[in-house]
């Protein structure tokens, strides 16, 4: 596990993406996450 790992997540504001990011940070607490999402109706 690399504490300086950086992840780029697309669609992280939706149900699946949000839970994916939460699980990722639970498994790798030192990871950096950048979330890119269009925030359309489906992501609200």
PDB file of N, CA and C in Angstrom:
ATOM      1  N   UNK A   1       0.845  -1.180   0.000  1.00  0.00           N
ATOM      2  CA  UNK A   1       0.000   0.000   0.000  1.00  0.00           C
ATOM      3  C   UNK A   1       0.889   1.241   0.000  1.00  0.00           C
ATOM      4  N   UNK A   2       0.698   2.083  -0.986  1.00  0.00           N
ATOM      5  CA  UNK A   2       1.470   3.308  -1.126  1.00  0.00           C
ATOM      6  C   UNK A   2       0.681   4.471  -0.521  1.00  0.00           C
ATOM      7  N   UNK A   3       1.162   5.111   0.547  1.00  0.00           N
ATOM      8  CA  UNK A   3       0.390   6.175   1.194  1.00  0.00           C
ATOM      9  C   UNK A   3       0.232   7.427   0.331  1.00  0.00           C
ATOM     10  N   UNK A   4       1.018   7.552  -0.724  1.00  0.00           N
ATOM     11  CA  UNK A   4       0.924   8.733  -1.569  1.00  0.00           C
ATOM     12  C   UNK A   4       0.168   8.451  -2.865  1.00  0.00           C
ATOM     13  N   UNK A   5      -0.602   7.382  -2.896  1.00  0.00           N
ATOM     14  CA  UNK A   5      -1.352   7.024  -4.098  1.00  0.00           C
ATOM     15  C   UNK A   5      -2.450   8.060  -4.347  1.00  0.00           C
ATOM     16  N   UNK A   6      -2.640   8.433  -5.617  1.00  0.00           N
ATOM     17  CA  UNK A   6      -3.640   9.427  -5.990  1.00  0.00           C
ATOM     18  C   UNK A   6      -4.574   8.796  -7.019  1.00  0.00           C
ATOM     19  N   UNK A   7      -5.877   8.863  -6.739  1.00  0.00           N
ATOM     20  CA  UNK A   7      -6.877   8.274  -7.618  1.00  0.00           C
ATOM     21  C   UNK A   7      -7.720   9.371  -8.245  1.00  0.00           C
ATOM     22  N   UNK A   8      -8.039   9.214  -9.520  1.00  0.00           N
ATOM     23  CA  UNK A   8      -8.960  10.098 -10.225  1.00  0.00           C
ATOM     24  C   UNK A   8     -10.232   9.298 -10.471  1.00  0.00           C
ATOM     25  N   UNK A   9     -11.325   9.724  -9.849  1.00  0.00           N
ATOM     26  CA  UNK A   9     -12.598   9.020  -9.940  1.00  0.00           C
ATOM     27  C   UNK A   9     -13.560   9.886 -10.740  1.00  0.00           C
ATOM     28  N   UNK A  10     -14.229   9.291 -11.730  1.00  0.00           N
ATOM     29  CA  UNK A  10     -15.253  10.016 -12.474  1.00  0.00           C
ATOM     30  C   UNK A  10     -16.613   9.470 -12.054  1.00  0.00           C
ATOM     31  N   UNK A  11     -17.566  10.365 -11.867  1.00  0.00           N
ATOM     32  CA  UNK A  11     -18.903   9.960 -11.462  1.00  0.00           C
ATOM     33  C   UNK A  11     -19.015   9.608  -9.998  1.00  0.00           C
ATOM     34  N   UNK A  12     -18.190  10.198  -9.164  1.00  0.00           N
ATOM     35  CA  UNK A  12     -18.163   9.857  -7.745  1.00  0.00           C
ATOM     36  C   UNK A  12     -19.278  10.450  -6.918  1.00  0.00           C
ATOM     37  N   UNK A  13     -20.145  11.265  -7.489  1.00  0.00           N
ATOM     38  CA  UNK A  13     -21.249  11.853  -6.722  1.00  0.00           C
ATOM     39  C   UNK A  13     -22.500  10.991  -6.763  1.00  0.00           C
ATOM     40  N   UNK A  14     -22.507   9.979  -7.576  1.00  0.00           N
ATOM     41  CA  UNK A  14     -23.649   9.073  -7.632  1.00  0.00           C
ATOM     42  C   UNK A  14     -23.571   8.036  -6.526  1.00  0.00           C
ATOM     43  N   UNK A  15     -24.565   7.166  -6.473  1.00  0.00           N
ATOM     44  CA  UNK A  15     -24.647   6.156  -5.426  1.00  0.00           C
ATOM     45  C   UNK A  15     -23.453   5.207  -5.451  1.00  0.00           C
ATOM     46  N   UNK A  16     -23.163   4.645  -6.605  1.00  0.00           N
ATOM     47  CA  UNK A  16     -22.074   3.672  -6.717  1.00  0.00           C
ATOM     48  C   UNK A  16     -20.719   4.354  -6.528  1.00  0.00           C
ATOM     49  N   UNK A  17     -20.534   5.506  -7.169  1.00  0.00           N
ATOM     50  CA  UNK A  17     -19.263   6.210  -7.057  1.00  0.00           C
ATOM     51  C   UNK A  17     -18.969   6.664  -5.640  1.00  0.00           C
ATOM     52  N   UNK A  18     -19.976   7.143  -4.948  1.00  0.00           N
ATOM     53  CA  UNK A  18     -19.810   7.598  -3.563  1.00  0.00           C
ATOM     54  C   UNK A  18     -19.388   6.439  -2.664  1.00  0.00           C
ATOM     55  N   UNK A  19     -20.047   5.311  -2.808  1.00  0.00           N
ATOM     56  CA  UNK A  19     -19.685   4.144  -2.001  1.00  0.00           C
ATOM     57  C   UNK A  19     -18.327   3.585  -2.386  1.00  0.00           C
ATOM     58  N   UNK A  20     -17.970   3.699  -3.660  1.00  0.00           N
ATOM     59  CA  UNK A  20     -16.643   3.265  -4.094  1.00  0.00           C
ATOM     60  C   UNK A  20     -15.563   4.105  -3.424  1.00  0.00           C
ATOM     61  N   UNK A  21     -15.759   5.429  -3.397  1.00  0.00           N
ATOM     62  CA  UNK A  21     -14.778   6.321  -2.780  1.00  0.00           C
ATOM     63  C   UNK A  21     -14.683   6.055  -1.282  1.00  0.00           C
ATOM     64  N   UNK A  22     -15.811   5.871  -0.631  1.00  0.00           N
ATOM     65  CA  UNK A  22     -15.799   5.574   0.813  1.00  0.00           C
ATOM     66  C   UNK A  22     -15.048   4.283   1.100  1.00  0.00           C
ATOM     67  N   UNK A  23     -15.292   3.259   0.286  1.00  0.00           N
ATOM     68  CA  UNK A  23     -14.587   1.993   0.471  1.00  0.00           C
ATOM     69  C   UNK A  23     -13.103   2.115   0.191  1.00  0.00           C
ATOM     70  N   UNK A  24     -12.757   2.880  -0.826  1.00  0.00           N
ATOM     71  CA  UNK A  24     -11.356   3.103  -1.162  1.00  0.00           C
ATOM     72  C   UNK A  24     -10.624   3.785  -0.020  1.00  0.00           C
ATOM     73  N   UNK A  25     -11.231   4.820   0.555  1.00  0.00           N
ATOM     74  CA  UNK A  25     -10.596   5.537   1.660  1.00  0.00           C
ATOM     75  C   UNK A  25     -10.566   4.706   2.937  1.00  0.00           C
ATOM     76  N   UNK A  26     -11.501   3.796   3.097  1.00  0.00           N
ATOM     77  CA  UNK A  26     -11.473   2.905   4.256  1.00  0.00           C
ATOM     78  C   UNK A  26     -10.318   1.908   4.126  1.00  0.00           C
ATOM     79  N   UNK A  27     -10.066   1.438   2.893  1.00  0.00           N
ATOM     80  CA  UNK A  27      -8.978   0.487   2.659  1.00  0.00           C
ATOM     81  C   UNK A  27      -7.616   1.161   2.615  1.00  0.00           C
ATOM     82  N   UNK A  28      -7.557   2.386   2.100  1.00  0.00           N
ATOM     83  CA  UNK A  28      -6.304   3.119   1.952  1.00  0.00           C
ATOM     84  C   UNK A  28      -6.468   4.529   2.533  1.00  0.00           C
ATOM     85  N   UNK A  29      -6.377   4.676   3.848  1.00  0.00           N
ATOM     86  CA  UNK A  29      -6.638   5.969   4.481  1.00  0.00           C
ATOM     87  C   UNK A  29      -5.714   7.096   4.031  1.00  0.00           C
ATOM     88  N   UNK A  30      -4.531   6.792   3.548  1.00  0.00           N
ATOM     89  CA  UNK A  30      -3.601   7.828   3.123  1.00  0.00           C
ATOM     90  C   UNK A  30      -3.747   8.235   1.666  1.00  0.00           C
ATOM     91  N   UNK A  31      -4.690   7.636   0.959  1.00  0.00           N
ATOM     92  CA  UNK A  31      -4.853   7.895  -0.475  1.00  0.00           C
ATOM     93  C   UNK A  31      -5.450   9.275  -0.716  1.00  0.00           C
ATOM     94  N   UNK A  32      -5.085   9.865  -1.838  1.00  0.00           N
ATOM     95  CA  UNK A  32      -5.679  11.131  -2.279  1.00  0.00           C
ATOM     96  C   UNK A  32      -6.675  10.801  -3.378  1.00  0.00           C
ATOM     97  N   UNK A  33      -7.873  11.397  -3.286  1.00  0.00           N
ATOM     98  CA  UNK A  33      -8.930  11.124  -4.255  1.00  0.00           C
ATOM     99  C   UNK A  33      -9.376  12.441  -4.877  1.00  0.00           C
ATOM    100  N   UNK A  34      -9.402  12.485  -6.202  1.00  0.00           N
ATOM    101  CA  UNK A  34      -9.977  13.607  -6.936  1.00  0.00           C
ATOM    102  C   UNK A  34     -11.212  13.083  -7.646  1.00  0.00           C
ATOM    103  N   UNK A  35     -12.354  13.715  -7.366  1.00  0.00           N
ATOM    104  CA  UNK A  35     -13.619  13.292  -7.938  1.00  0.00           C
ATOM    105  C   UNK A  35     -14.054  14.303  -9.000  1.00  0.00           C
ATOM    106  N   UNK A  36     -14.369  13.809 -10.185  1.00  0.00           N
ATOM    107  CA  UNK A  36     -14.864  14.635 -11.277  1.00  0.00           C
ATOM    108  C   UNK A  36     -16.255  14.131 -11.639  1.00  0.00           C
ATOM    109  N   UNK A  37     -17.244  15.008 -11.560  1.00  0.00           N
ATOM    110  CA  UNK A  37     -18.616  14.598 -11.852  1.00  0.00           C
ATOM    111  C   UNK A  37     -19.339  15.758 -12.520  1.00  0.00           C
ATOM    112  N   UNK A  38     -20.229  15.453 -13.448  1.00  0.00           N
ATOM    113  CA  UNK A  38     -20.970  16.471 -14.159  1.00  0.00           C
ATOM    114  C   UNK A  38     -22.083  17.083 -13.310  1.00  0.00           C
ATOM    115  N   UNK A  39     -22.471  16.411 -12.221  1.00  0.00           N
ATOM    116  CA  UNK A  39     -23.543  16.875 -11.330  1.00  0.00           C
ATOM    117  C   UNK A  39     -24.832  17.147 -12.090  1.00  0.00           C
ATOM    118  N   UNK A  40     -25.214  16.198 -12.922  1.00  0.00           N
ATOM    119  CA  UNK A  40     -26.503  16.286 -13.612  1.00  0.00           C
ATOM    120  C   UNK A  40     -27.592  15.778 -12.673  1.00  0.00           C
ATOM    121  N   UNK A  41     -28.785  15.654 -13.163  1.00  0.00           N
ATOM    122  CA  UNK A  41     -29.921  15.210 -12.359  1.00  0.00           C
ATOM    123  C   UNK A  41     -29.652  13.881 -11.662  1.00  0.00           C
ATOM    124  N   UNK A  42     -28.945  12.977 -12.320  1.00  0.00           N
ATOM    125  CA  UNK A  42     -28.684  11.649 -11.742  1.00  0.00           C
ATOM    126  C   UNK A  42     -27.704  11.728 -10.577  1.00  0.00           C
ATOM    127  N   UNK A  43     -26.866  12.732 -10.504  1.00  0.00           N
ATOM    128  CA  UNK A  43     -25.872  12.831  -9.451  1.00  0.00           C
ATOM    129  C   UNK A  43     -26.304  13.639  -8.247  1.00  0.00           C
ATOM    130  N   UNK A  44     -27.546  14.103  -8.248  1.00  0.00           N
ATOM    131  CA  UNK A  44     -27.981  14.940  -7.135  1.00  0.00           C
ATOM    132  C   UNK A  44     -28.498  14.104  -6.025  1.00  0.00           C
TER     133      UNK A  44
END
